[in-house]
Structures are given as C-alpha cells and as structure tokens.
Protein backbone atom coordinates (compact mmCIF):
# COMPACT_ATOMS: atom_id res chain seq x y z
CA MET A 1 -8.24 124.92 47.62
CA ALA A 2 -9.90 127.91 45.03
CA THR A 3 -9.10 127.35 41.14
CA LEU A 4 -8.79 129.67 38.36
CA ARG A 5 -12.14 127.55 37.42
CA SER A 6 -14.14 128.76 40.73
CA LEU A 7 -12.82 132.10 40.39
CA LEU A 8 -13.78 132.92 36.90
CA GLU A 9 -16.62 131.25 36.58
CA GLY A 10 -19.95 133.31 35.39
CA LEU A 11 -17.50 136.52 35.64
CA PRO A 12 -18.60 137.97 31.92
CA GLY A 13 -15.46 139.15 29.92
CA PHE A 14 -13.34 136.01 30.51
CA ASP A 15 -12.74 133.74 27.16
CA ARG A 16 -14.27 130.45 28.98
CA SER A 17 -11.27 128.08 27.33
CA VAL A 18 -9.19 129.15 30.79
CA LEU A 19 -11.65 127.67 33.07
CA THR A 20 -9.10 125.11 34.10
CA ASP A 21 -8.60 123.52 37.53
CA LEU A 22 -5.26 125.34 37.46
CA PRO A 23 -5.20 125.22 42.04
CA ILE A 24 -4.52 128.95 42.93
CA ARG A 25 -3.87 130.02 46.66
CA SER A 26 -3.34 133.64 46.43
CA ILE A 27 -4.12 137.09 44.22
CA VAL A 28 -0.90 139.32 43.56
CA LEU A 29 -0.90 142.97 42.44
CA ASP A 30 2.93 143.02 43.04
CA SER A 31 4.89 140.92 41.21
CA ARG A 32 7.29 140.99 44.21
CA GLN A 33 4.74 139.29 46.36
CA ALA A 34 4.27 136.46 44.05
CA THR A 35 4.47 132.73 45.13
CA ALA A 36 3.91 128.76 44.07
CA GLN A 37 0.42 129.42 42.77
CA SER A 38 -0.43 132.79 42.85
CA LEU A 39 -2.13 134.56 40.21
CA PHE A 40 -1.27 137.86 38.90
CA VAL A 41 -3.63 141.04 38.59
CA ALA A 42 -1.96 143.16 35.87
CA LEU A 43 -3.09 147.02 36.21
CA PRO A 44 -2.10 150.35 35.47
CA GLY A 45 0.58 151.77 37.91
CA GLN A 46 1.32 155.58 38.32
CA HIS A 47 4.60 155.06 36.36
CA GLN A 48 4.15 151.59 34.15
CA HIS A 49 1.46 149.09 33.96
CA GLY A 50 1.71 145.88 35.96
CA ALA A 51 1.75 143.92 32.83
CA ALA A 52 5.66 144.84 32.10
CA PHE A 53 5.98 142.84 35.25
CA ALA A 54 4.08 139.85 34.43
CA ALA A 55 7.64 137.25 33.65
CA ASP A 56 9.11 138.43 36.82
CA ALA A 57 5.46 137.32 38.66
CA VAL A 58 5.76 133.29 36.77
CA ARG A 59 9.45 133.68 37.30
CA ARG A 60 8.82 134.30 41.63
CA GLY A 61 5.72 131.11 40.55
CA ALA A 62 2.73 132.89 39.43
CA VAL A 63 0.58 130.41 37.67
CA ALA A 64 -1.56 132.68 35.99
CA VAL A 65 -1.87 136.27 34.65
CA ILE A 66 -5.10 138.75 34.49
CA SER A 67 -4.66 142.26 32.65
CA SER A 68 -6.67 144.06 30.02
CA VAL A 69 -3.33 144.33 27.42
CA PRO A 70 -2.89 141.43 25.00
CA ARG A 71 -0.87 138.53 25.78
CA PRO A 72 2.99 139.03 24.60
CA SER A 73 4.38 137.36 21.39
CA ASP A 74 6.49 135.67 23.36
CA TRP A 75 4.89 134.27 26.07
CA PRO A 76 5.52 131.03 27.66
CA ARG A 77 3.13 128.36 26.15
CA GLY A 78 1.22 126.84 29.52
CA ILE A 79 0.99 130.09 31.63
CA PRO A 80 -2.84 131.24 31.22
CA TRP A 81 -2.94 135.27 29.95
CA ILE A 82 -6.74 136.01 30.41
CA GLN A 83 -7.15 139.13 28.89
CA THR A 84 -10.59 141.19 30.20
CA ASP A 85 -11.21 145.37 29.73
CA HIS A 86 -11.50 145.65 33.21
CA PRO A 87 -9.84 143.70 35.49
CA ARG A 88 -9.86 145.93 38.71
CA MET A 89 -14.03 145.77 38.54
CA TRP A 90 -13.78 141.96 39.22
CA LEU A 91 -10.62 141.61 41.35
CA PRO A 92 -13.21 142.17 45.02
CA THR A 93 -15.09 139.14 43.63
CA LEU A 94 -12.33 137.18 42.64
CA ALA A 95 -10.76 137.89 46.34
CA ALA A 96 -14.13 137.43 48.04
CA ARG A 97 -14.36 133.73 45.98
CA LEU A 98 -10.98 133.21 47.10
CA TYR A 99 -10.98 133.36 50.66
CA GLN A 100 -14.80 132.07 50.62
CA PHE A 101 -16.72 135.07 51.08
CA PRO A 102 -15.67 135.94 55.01
CA ALA A 103 -17.49 139.19 54.50
CA ARG A 104 -20.78 137.20 54.90
CA ARG A 105 -19.81 136.33 58.38
CA LEU A 106 -19.12 139.56 59.75
CA THR A 107 -21.01 142.64 60.71
CA LEU A 108 -19.08 145.45 58.91
CA TYR A 109 -18.01 149.39 59.66
CA GLY A 110 -16.98 151.44 57.76
CA ILE A 111 -15.66 155.07 58.53
CA THR A 112 -14.37 157.58 56.01
CA GLY A 113 -13.85 161.18 55.74
CA THR A 114 -11.05 163.84 55.66
CA ASN A 115 -9.33 163.47 59.01
CA GLY A 116 -10.09 161.53 62.40
CA LYS A 117 -11.12 158.29 60.98
CA THR A 118 -8.18 156.30 62.46
CA THR A 119 -9.57 158.24 65.80
CA THR A 120 -13.30 156.89 64.94
CA VAL A 121 -11.97 153.48 64.64
CA TYR A 122 -10.18 153.33 67.90
CA MET A 123 -12.82 154.77 69.72
CA LEU A 124 -15.26 152.86 67.99
CA ALA A 125 -14.20 149.47 69.10
CA ALA A 126 -13.14 150.40 72.71
CA ILE A 127 -17.22 151.18 73.15
CA LEU A 128 -17.85 147.49 71.12
CA ARG A 129 -15.17 145.58 73.10
CA ARG A 130 -15.98 147.53 76.79
CA ALA A 131 -19.88 145.64 75.31
CA GLY A 132 -17.99 142.28 75.01
CA ARG A 133 -17.68 142.09 71.68
CA ARG A 134 -15.33 140.65 69.00
CA VAL A 135 -14.00 142.77 67.48
CA ALA A 136 -11.41 143.42 64.51
CA PHE A 137 -10.33 146.81 63.13
CA TRP A 138 -8.13 147.62 59.71
CA SER A 139 -6.88 151.33 60.39
CA THR A 140 -4.16 153.46 59.34
CA ASN A 141 -2.52 153.14 62.18
CA GLN A 142 -2.94 149.32 63.15
CA VAL A 143 -4.85 145.99 61.95
CA GLU A 144 -6.00 144.27 64.69
CA GLY A 145 -8.15 141.40 66.10
CA ILE A 146 -6.36 139.01 64.16
CA PRO A 147 -3.36 136.72 65.15
CA HIS A 148 -0.64 138.73 64.18
CA PRO A 149 -1.58 142.20 64.69
CA TYR A 150 0.86 144.92 61.80
CA ARG A 151 0.93 148.24 61.05
CA PRO A 152 0.10 148.19 57.32
CA THR A 153 1.08 150.48 54.55
CA MET A 154 -2.33 151.71 53.30
CA THR A 155 -5.51 152.89 55.07
CA THR A 156 -7.52 150.84 52.72
CA PRO A 157 -5.62 147.67 51.52
CA ASP A 158 -6.50 146.15 47.66
CA PRO A 159 -9.39 142.82 47.57
CA PRO A 160 -6.77 140.34 48.17
CA THR A 161 -5.04 141.91 50.90
CA LEU A 162 -8.67 143.09 52.36
CA HIS A 163 -10.32 140.06 52.09
CA GLU A 164 -7.47 138.18 53.46
CA PHE A 165 -7.85 140.11 56.53
CA LEU A 166 -11.43 139.51 56.74
CA ARG A 167 -10.54 135.68 56.67
CA GLN A 168 -8.65 135.95 59.63
CA ALA A 169 -10.94 138.29 60.83
CA VAL A 170 -13.12 135.53 60.58
CA ASP A 171 -11.32 132.81 61.87
CA ALA A 172 -10.39 134.78 65.01
CA GLY A 173 -13.85 134.70 65.76
CA ALA A 174 -14.51 138.20 65.31
CA GLU A 175 -18.28 139.27 65.19
CA ASP A 176 -17.52 143.10 64.17
CA VAL A 177 -15.41 144.51 61.63
CA LEU A 178 -14.48 148.11 61.39
CA LEU A 179 -12.59 149.54 58.38
CA GLU A 180 -11.47 152.62 57.65
CA VAL A 181 -11.87 153.71 53.45
CA SER A 182 -9.81 156.19 52.08
CA SER A 183 -10.83 158.26 48.90
CA HIS A 184 -8.61 155.76 47.13
CA ALA A 185 -10.49 153.15 47.76
CA LEU A 186 -13.68 153.90 46.95
CA ALA A 187 -12.52 155.80 43.23
CA LEU A 188 -10.52 151.78 42.50
CA ASN A 189 -12.83 149.62 43.92
CA ARG A 190 -11.82 148.40 46.73
CA ILE A 191 -14.13 147.63 48.39
CA GLY A 192 -16.79 146.50 45.92
CA GLY A 193 -19.54 143.92 46.85
CA LEU A 194 -18.97 144.68 50.76
CA GLN A 195 -21.74 146.04 52.54
CA PHE A 196 -21.96 147.73 55.55
CA ALA A 197 -24.68 147.43 58.38
CA ALA A 198 -23.53 151.61 59.06
CA VAL A 199 -20.57 153.94 58.11
CA ALA A 200 -20.16 157.34 59.61
CA VAL A 201 -18.27 160.43 57.60
CA THR A 202 -16.50 163.12 59.94
CA ASN A 203 -15.65 166.24 57.93
CA ILE A 204 -14.03 166.46 53.68
CA THR A 205 -11.14 169.27 53.64
CA PRO A 206 -9.12 169.41 50.43
CA ASP A 207 -7.33 166.50 49.98
CA HIS A 208 -5.61 163.39 47.29
CA LEU A 209 -6.14 166.40 44.94
CA ASP A 210 -3.06 164.65 43.02
CA PHE A 211 -4.92 161.78 42.47
CA HIS A 212 -8.06 162.66 42.06
CA GLY A 213 -7.86 165.89 39.64
CA SER A 214 -10.26 168.10 41.46
CA PHE A 215 -11.86 168.41 44.92
CA ALA A 216 -15.27 167.89 43.32
CA ASP A 217 -14.09 164.52 42.20
CA TYR A 218 -12.70 163.99 46.11
CA VAL A 219 -15.70 164.94 47.62
CA ALA A 220 -17.74 162.73 44.82
CA ALA A 221 -15.34 159.62 45.71
CA LYS A 222 -16.18 160.04 49.68
CA ALA A 223 -19.52 160.70 48.85
CA SER A 224 -20.35 157.09 47.47
CA ILE A 225 -19.66 155.14 50.09
CA VAL A 226 -23.39 155.29 51.26
CA GLN A 227 -24.18 153.04 48.29
CA TYR A 228 -22.59 150.03 50.37
CA VAL A 229 -24.81 150.92 53.22
CA LYS A 230 -27.29 147.44 53.21
CA PRO A 231 -30.97 148.19 53.11
CA GLY A 232 -32.48 149.32 56.97
CA GLY A 233 -28.51 150.32 57.77
CA THR A 234 -27.43 153.52 59.25
CA VAL A 235 -25.67 156.77 57.29
CA ILE A 236 -24.23 158.69 60.43
CA LEU A 237 -22.62 162.07 58.84
CA ASN A 238 -20.85 165.54 60.66
CA GLY A 239 -23.96 167.68 59.98
CA ASP A 240 -21.86 170.53 60.96
CA ASP A 241 -19.61 170.17 57.60
CA PRO A 242 -20.99 172.27 54.59
CA VAL A 243 -20.01 169.56 52.63
CA ILE A 244 -21.89 166.31 54.05
CA SER A 245 -24.49 168.27 55.87
CA ARG A 246 -25.79 168.80 51.87
CA TRP A 247 -25.00 165.31 50.88
CA PRO A 248 -28.07 162.99 49.88
CA THR A 249 -29.07 159.64 51.61
CA PRO A 250 -30.73 156.84 49.42
CA ALA A 251 -34.07 156.12 50.93
CA VAL A 252 -33.96 152.79 52.10
CA VAL A 253 -31.01 153.52 55.14
CA THR A 254 -31.35 155.73 58.00
CA ARG A 255 -29.79 159.18 57.96
CA THR A 256 -28.49 160.71 61.21
CA THR A 257 -26.43 163.94 61.69
CA TYR A 258 -24.14 164.77 64.76
CA GLY A 259 -22.00 168.13 65.38
CA LEU A 260 -21.03 170.59 67.92
CA SER A 261 -23.78 173.23 67.25
CA GLY A 262 -26.92 171.84 69.22
CA THR A 263 -29.49 172.07 66.03
CA HIS A 264 -28.57 167.70 65.10
CA PRO A 265 -29.97 164.86 67.18
CA LEU A 266 -26.80 164.11 68.39
CA THR A 267 -24.84 166.51 70.07
CA ALA A 268 -22.34 167.63 72.80
CA ARG A 269 -22.40 170.74 74.84
CA ILE A 270 -18.56 171.13 76.09
CA ILE A 271 -18.45 172.15 79.57
CA GLU A 272 -14.51 172.35 79.44
CA SER A 273 -11.24 171.93 77.73
CA HIS A 274 -7.94 171.07 78.97
CA ALA A 275 -4.94 170.08 77.64
CA ASP A 276 -5.23 166.57 78.26
CA HIS A 277 -8.81 165.69 78.17
CA SER A 278 -12.09 167.30 77.59
CA ARG A 279 -16.06 167.04 79.65
CA TRP A 280 -18.91 167.37 77.86
CA GLU A 281 -22.40 166.88 78.07
CA TRP A 282 -23.60 164.30 75.18
CA PHE A 283 -27.55 164.15 73.96
CA TRP A 284 -29.06 161.87 71.60
CA GLN A 285 -32.58 162.98 70.22
CA ASN A 286 -32.96 165.90 72.81
CA GLN A 287 -31.87 163.61 75.92
CA SER A 288 -29.37 163.59 77.65
CA TYR A 289 -26.82 160.35 78.12
CA GLY A 290 -24.92 162.28 80.79
CA GLU A 291 -21.51 163.57 81.22
CA ILE A 292 -18.24 161.91 79.70
CA VAL A 293 -14.63 163.32 80.32
CA LEU A 294 -12.58 162.42 77.48
CA PRO A 295 -9.00 161.37 77.52
CA ILE A 296 -7.80 163.19 74.57
CA PRO A 297 -8.02 167.51 74.00
CA GLY A 298 -9.73 169.24 71.43
CA ARG A 299 -13.25 169.77 69.69
CA HIS A 300 -11.31 167.74 66.66
CA ASN A 301 -11.60 164.44 69.09
CA ILE A 302 -15.28 165.43 70.23
CA GLN A 303 -16.77 165.72 67.26
CA ASN A 304 -14.45 162.39 66.60
CA ALA A 305 -16.59 160.77 69.59
CA LEU A 306 -19.63 161.59 68.56
CA ALA A 307 -19.26 159.65 65.01
CA ALA A 308 -18.18 156.47 66.92
CA LEU A 309 -21.85 156.83 69.61
CA GLY A 310 -23.54 157.40 66.44
CA LEU A 311 -22.28 153.92 65.50
CA ALA A 312 -22.64 152.38 68.85
CA LEU A 313 -25.80 153.55 69.15
CA HIS A 314 -26.94 151.53 65.75
CA CYS A 315 -25.24 148.49 67.09
CA GLY A 316 -27.61 148.76 70.33
CA ILE A 317 -24.67 149.50 73.04
CA ALA A 318 -25.70 151.10 76.15
CA PRO A 319 -25.23 154.68 76.64
CA ASP A 320 -23.96 154.33 79.92
CA VAL A 321 -21.50 151.13 78.24
CA ALA A 322 -20.43 153.59 75.90
CA ARG A 323 -19.90 156.69 78.02
CA ASP A 324 -17.61 154.65 80.33
CA ALA A 325 -15.13 153.39 76.98
CA LEU A 326 -14.57 156.70 76.32
CA ALA A 327 -13.57 157.68 79.52
CA HIS A 328 -11.12 154.48 79.95
CA PHE A 329 -10.20 155.66 75.93
CA VAL A 330 -6.35 154.67 74.74
CA PRO A 331 -6.17 156.99 72.06
CA ALA A 332 -3.73 156.22 68.85
CA PRO A 333 -0.42 156.59 68.86
CA ARG A 334 0.39 160.16 67.18
CA ARG A 335 -3.22 161.29 67.58
CA LEU A 336 -2.39 163.81 69.92
CA GLU A 337 -0.32 161.20 71.65
CA THR A 338 0.95 163.64 74.95
CA VAL A 339 3.80 163.25 77.47
CA THR A 340 5.00 165.59 80.17
CA GLN A 341 8.10 165.59 81.43
CA GLY A 342 8.72 168.39 84.25
CA ASP A 343 7.70 171.30 83.49
CA ILE A 344 7.58 170.29 79.88
CA THR A 345 5.01 169.00 77.44
CA VAL A 346 5.75 166.89 74.06
CA VAL A 347 2.69 166.74 71.69
CA SER A 348 2.85 164.64 68.74
CA ASP A 349 0.55 164.37 65.89
CA VAL A 350 0.51 162.77 62.87
CA ALA A 351 -0.72 165.82 60.65
CA MET A 352 -1.45 165.23 57.18
CA ASN A 353 -2.91 167.98 55.60
CA ARG A 354 -3.93 172.01 55.83
CA ALA A 355 -7.09 170.47 58.09
CA SER A 356 -5.67 168.61 60.67
CA TYR A 357 -2.94 170.96 60.57
CA GLU A 358 -5.58 173.58 61.90
CA ALA A 359 -7.29 170.86 63.94
CA VAL A 360 -4.05 170.63 66.05
CA LEU A 361 -2.70 174.08 66.35
CA ALA A 362 -6.32 175.37 67.26
CA THR A 363 -6.28 172.81 70.29
CA VAL A 364 -2.14 173.18 71.74
CA HIS A 365 -3.22 177.27 70.99
CA ALA A 366 -5.76 177.43 73.20
CA LEU A 367 -3.65 176.11 76.41
CA GLY A 368 -1.51 179.55 76.33
CA ARG A 369 2.03 177.81 76.35
CA PRO A 370 5.30 179.09 74.30
CA VAL A 371 5.31 176.60 71.74
CA VAL A 372 8.29 175.28 69.39
CA VAL A 373 7.33 172.99 66.29
CA VAL A 374 8.80 170.78 64.39
CA ASN A 375 7.48 169.90 60.94
CA ALA A 376 8.69 167.05 59.26
CA ILE A 377 8.14 167.87 55.27
CA ARG A 378 5.95 165.53 53.49
CA GLY A 379 7.34 163.16 50.90
CA ASN A 380 6.14 161.17 47.74
CA ARG A 381 2.68 162.94 48.44
CA GLY A 382 4.05 166.31 45.39
CA PRO A 383 4.25 169.93 46.28
CA GLU A 384 1.04 171.02 46.67
CA ILE A 385 0.64 169.29 49.88
CA ASN A 386 4.18 171.05 50.95
CA ARG A 387 2.45 174.55 49.87
CA ASP A 388 -0.64 174.22 51.77
CA ILE A 389 1.44 173.21 55.54
CA ALA A 390 3.68 175.94 55.47
CA ASP A 391 0.37 178.01 54.78
CA VAL A 392 -1.20 177.19 57.74
CA LEU A 393 1.81 177.15 59.50
CA ALA A 394 2.33 180.80 58.94
CA ASP A 395 -0.94 181.48 59.61
CA TRP A 396 -0.64 179.95 63.02
CA ALA A 397 3.05 181.76 63.35
CA GLU A 398 1.65 184.88 63.68
CA GLN A 399 -1.35 184.20 66.14
CA MET A 400 1.09 181.94 68.77
CA ALA A 401 4.86 182.97 68.09
CA PHE A 402 6.37 179.61 67.66
CA ALA A 403 8.63 181.04 64.24
CA PRO A 404 10.78 179.49 63.47
CA VAL A 405 9.37 176.87 62.58
CA ILE A 406 11.68 173.23 62.46
CA ALA A 407 11.84 171.92 59.63
CA THR A 408 12.88 168.01 58.79
CA LEU A 409 13.41 165.91 55.55
CA SER A 410 13.95 163.47 58.37
CA THR A 411 16.48 161.50 55.93
CA ASP A 412 17.44 158.74 58.89
CA GLN A 413 13.52 158.08 59.33
CA VAL A 414 12.01 156.96 55.79
CA ALA A 415 14.81 155.33 53.97
CA SER A 416 13.92 152.29 55.93
CA LEU A 417 10.13 152.03 55.06
CA SER A 418 8.65 150.33 53.03
CA VAL A 419 6.95 152.67 50.52
CA ASP A 420 9.36 155.82 49.61
CA TYR A 421 7.94 158.66 51.72
CA ARG A 422 11.77 160.50 50.53
CA VAL A 423 11.16 164.48 50.38
CA ARG A 424 11.39 165.18 46.86
CA PRO A 425 13.51 168.43 46.06
CA ASP A 426 10.49 169.52 44.39
CA GLU A 427 8.50 169.25 47.54
CA GLN A 428 11.08 170.63 50.01
CA ALA A 429 11.36 173.36 47.57
CA ALA A 430 7.57 174.06 47.79
CA PHE A 431 7.60 174.34 51.04
CA LEU A 432 10.31 176.51 51.64
CA GLU A 433 8.98 179.38 49.12
CA GLN A 434 5.55 178.95 50.99
CA ALA A 435 7.18 179.99 54.72
CA ASP A 436 9.41 182.68 52.70
CA ARG A 437 6.70 184.02 50.56
CA ARG A 438 4.46 184.21 54.25
CA GLY A 439 7.45 185.63 55.95
CA LEU A 440 8.01 182.56 57.97
CA ALA A 441 11.52 181.74 59.34
CA VAL A 442 12.09 177.82 58.96
CA ILE A 443 15.47 175.99 60.42
CA CYS A 444 15.73 172.75 57.74
CA THR A 445 17.44 169.65 59.36
CA ASP A 446 18.40 166.83 57.06
CA THR A 447 17.74 164.43 59.73
CA LEU A 448 14.69 163.95 62.51
CA GLU A 449 17.56 163.84 65.18
CA ALA A 450 19.16 167.17 63.89
CA ALA A 451 15.43 168.65 64.03
CA ILE A 452 14.99 167.18 67.95
CA ASP A 453 18.01 168.63 69.19
CA ALA A 454 17.35 171.93 67.54
CA ALA A 455 13.92 172.03 69.09
CA LEU A 456 15.11 170.96 72.65
CA ALA A 457 18.12 173.86 72.47
CA ARG A 458 14.89 176.10 72.09
CA LEU A 459 12.25 175.08 74.40
CA PRO A 460 11.44 177.06 77.19
CA LYS A 461 10.54 175.88 80.71
CA GLY A 462 6.81 175.14 80.50
CA GLY A 463 6.83 175.05 76.83
CA ILE A 464 5.26 172.59 74.52
CA LEU A 465 7.16 170.90 71.85
CA LEU A 466 4.65 170.07 68.95
CA LEU A 467 6.04 167.57 66.72
CA LEU A 468 4.14 167.04 63.29
CA GLY A 469 3.55 165.52 60.17
CA THR A 470 3.76 162.11 58.86
CA PHE A 471 6.06 158.80 58.47
CA GLY A 472 9.22 161.06 58.92
CA MET A 473 8.17 162.06 62.22
CA ASP A 474 6.75 159.08 63.47
CA ALA A 475 10.48 157.98 65.56
CA GLY A 476 10.03 162.02 66.90
CA LEU A 477 8.77 161.33 70.44
CA ALA A 478 11.29 158.51 70.77
CA LEU A 479 13.79 160.76 70.76
CA VAL A 480 12.41 163.08 72.32
CA ARG A 481 12.32 160.91 75.22
CA GLU A 482 15.94 159.59 74.68
CA ARG A 483 17.37 163.02 74.88
CA MET A 484 14.83 163.66 78.44
CA ASP A 485 15.55 160.66 80.43
C-alpha cells in the first residue's frame, strides 16, 4: 500500500516533516468521494475552492489534505494539511505513484480535436482488436477493456481516475490503451507524465470558449498534445483543417497528414455515399490499398476513418486487416446512429457545437428527403453555444425547409444525471432569441417525450426524424422506438 511518504518523496515544494508512513488508499478531488485512508487534494473550483470541503472529506475518511491555501486555524491536530503552491501540477505524479506507474506497461494512443474523437477511438479499437490486440479505451461515450465497463462523466478524467483506469487496464491484460484527450485535460495537466506512441488530431473549430477565454487559447491547448508524444512516435494531423495544418511538431517525431483533398500521404477518393454507408478507395504514400465500405455515412466519418487508419499504420497493422475491421465497424451510440422502420428513418447524433451540427446536417441534406428536427438545448454550457446552435440550424433550415425546429429542455431526462445538465434560463433565452432573430420558427417543449410526440406528428412518409443534442437527447431514439412499435 502507498504511504504519504511514498507519494511525496522527492517532490519539491512539500514540507519534509509531513513525510510519514500514513497509509493512503485513494486520492480524491471531490470530498463526497472520500473514503477511509483517502488523500484529499483541494483545488480551486468554478464556484468555490475545494479547501472549503476539506472538513467534509475528513468526516468521510480522508486522512490528509493537500492544498494551495493555508491550513485553517481550527484544523484538527493529527490530520496533515500539506500546503504547496501548485497541487494540480503534482497530481499526475501522485496518481502514477499510487497506482504503481501503470502507463509504463502500456502502449498509449491519444486522439484529440473538436469533433470526431469518440468515433476515431472506436474505429481504432475495432482495427486493433481485429488484429488480435488486447485493447482498453476511455472515450466520452464509454470506458472499455476493464472488468466493469461504464459511461464516464468526463471526456478525459482527472489524474487519480485516469491512473486507476490504466491500472485496471494493465490488470485486465490490455496491451494498447486509447484515450480521448480534451482541451480541458490538456489545459489542466490531467495527462501530465504520459507519453503516447502516436496521437491523432481530427479537426479544430471554436468550442469551450467559456473555459479557455479565446479561440487562440483553445487552439494552444489542443496543439500542446504533440508535447506528449514520445521520441520516435507519430503525430497524425488532419491536413485539410486550416488550423491544424499549420501546427509545428517536434523534430523527434514523425509527422503525417491525412485528408480528402488528395494532397496528403494518407487520403481517400470517395466513390459513393448513401444514408447508411459510404464507399471509398484509400491511398497511403500514393499507393492504393483498395476500397472500403464504411457502414456509417458522412464525409466527416471518412476523415475519422483516415485518422484511425493512420494510427493503425503506425501500429504496424496490415492494411487488409484494417479494411476488414472498418467494413464491420459498429459505431458508438448516437454517432449518426440510424434506424429505419417502414418508410421512416431516424438519425440520432450527439451534436454539441457548430461544426458537429454542420457535419450532421450536411450528411442528412445530401439524402434529399424531408426532415423534421428535434434539438435538445444544451444545459450547463452557457448561452453562447446555444446561440451558435440556433444560428446553424437557421442556416440549414433555409436550404432544407425543416422549420419549425422542435426544441426541448429535456427536463424529464437531465434531472437524474450525476452532472447537472439542466438548461438555465439564459441558455434557453439565447437559443430562442437567436432563432427569432434569424426567422427560424421554434416549438419549445419542457420534456423530451413531448418533443418526440410533436415531431412524429409532423413527420411525413418517407421522412427523416433527426435527433440532435447531447445528454438531453440520449433517450430520444428509445422513445421513438417505443412509439413506432
């Protein structure tokens, strides 16, 4: 078992008098997660500093606290309060030590970008498993390759949770671990100390500006992933993206670009695109590796597949194995998930920003069928993203004539989630005001059930019911199926 001494030994900025053999079983950042022999690391939060909850952590079993703020005057004797200027900086080291450096026994692959990360992770996992590799992954949608898979609450977890997952992956026999890496994770040092064999960057468009402050800072956070590639590793960049294509990469790594423009080492020639699949020929270093029939639609998914193929080539996977894996690919839920019943098609996608809405709507528009759109207004993400979403829906409504949009607060869905994704009044107002400003008609419902009923009542024969949005839309497809059975 780890001790306070074994976790802190040799780290600068810590008072050596705290180096005791006090047993530590876990590291927690949320006082509610503290149990017997926990080390509570109190960090500044969005609304309050974690130090305000230190006493609660101790009541739940925490035996020591690390924080950047001084020890309270009434702090109980016998509970170490360890003050250091930058506790977040040391979190990855503490977590790696606690779980006995599991990353050293794994080959790590990182995927970042604004959109497409989850699909790319699933594609690469399918290819590696087809090749007989033992794979674990952490994605926005699911954590797999461990004894008890689950859906996470973060795209990339905090260091204690991340290293616990890596330890579970090692113990389960995994060889390769794939990680979605968010801009938050890069800015907050969640992946500090890790080294990737290869990383892929899917695309960059404005997102999470409420956190980063500016697009430039968001781009800088994303670009920093190249610093985590080990010497001799590979950086795979979407060369069609004007932001990514300009990124410098370290001289000690191999740089590869992919795209659909035909000017990149890894590229594809689209042969046909349908509602449920695409067919294309792929090329590496000007050599054709044959056709792939990908069982999900959309140009953006061909680009995601190219990113996965680039990573697979780095892994030494045979091209025919990669092709066969993609031909049998099962996408993550709600990534252009398509269900057809009779003459009705339902498409559900976890669209979350302007670029992902654009990609989905472009794919559906190409099908040339009447469309009814249900959109779950985003909760706990601020007004600006909802203003953007209303704007892009208005753009496409002019081309596709799907107005009115049926928008929902999904109060029947988000109330039970572990994270508070309820729609705030200013978020709802931002969506509705921008829609009104653009002349986009909107029907707004409190519940997802009411939105689905309203949409089905408007859906013509041969039409497409398009379900868009994040957590508030997760149950949409199931609700439609109930009503169509």
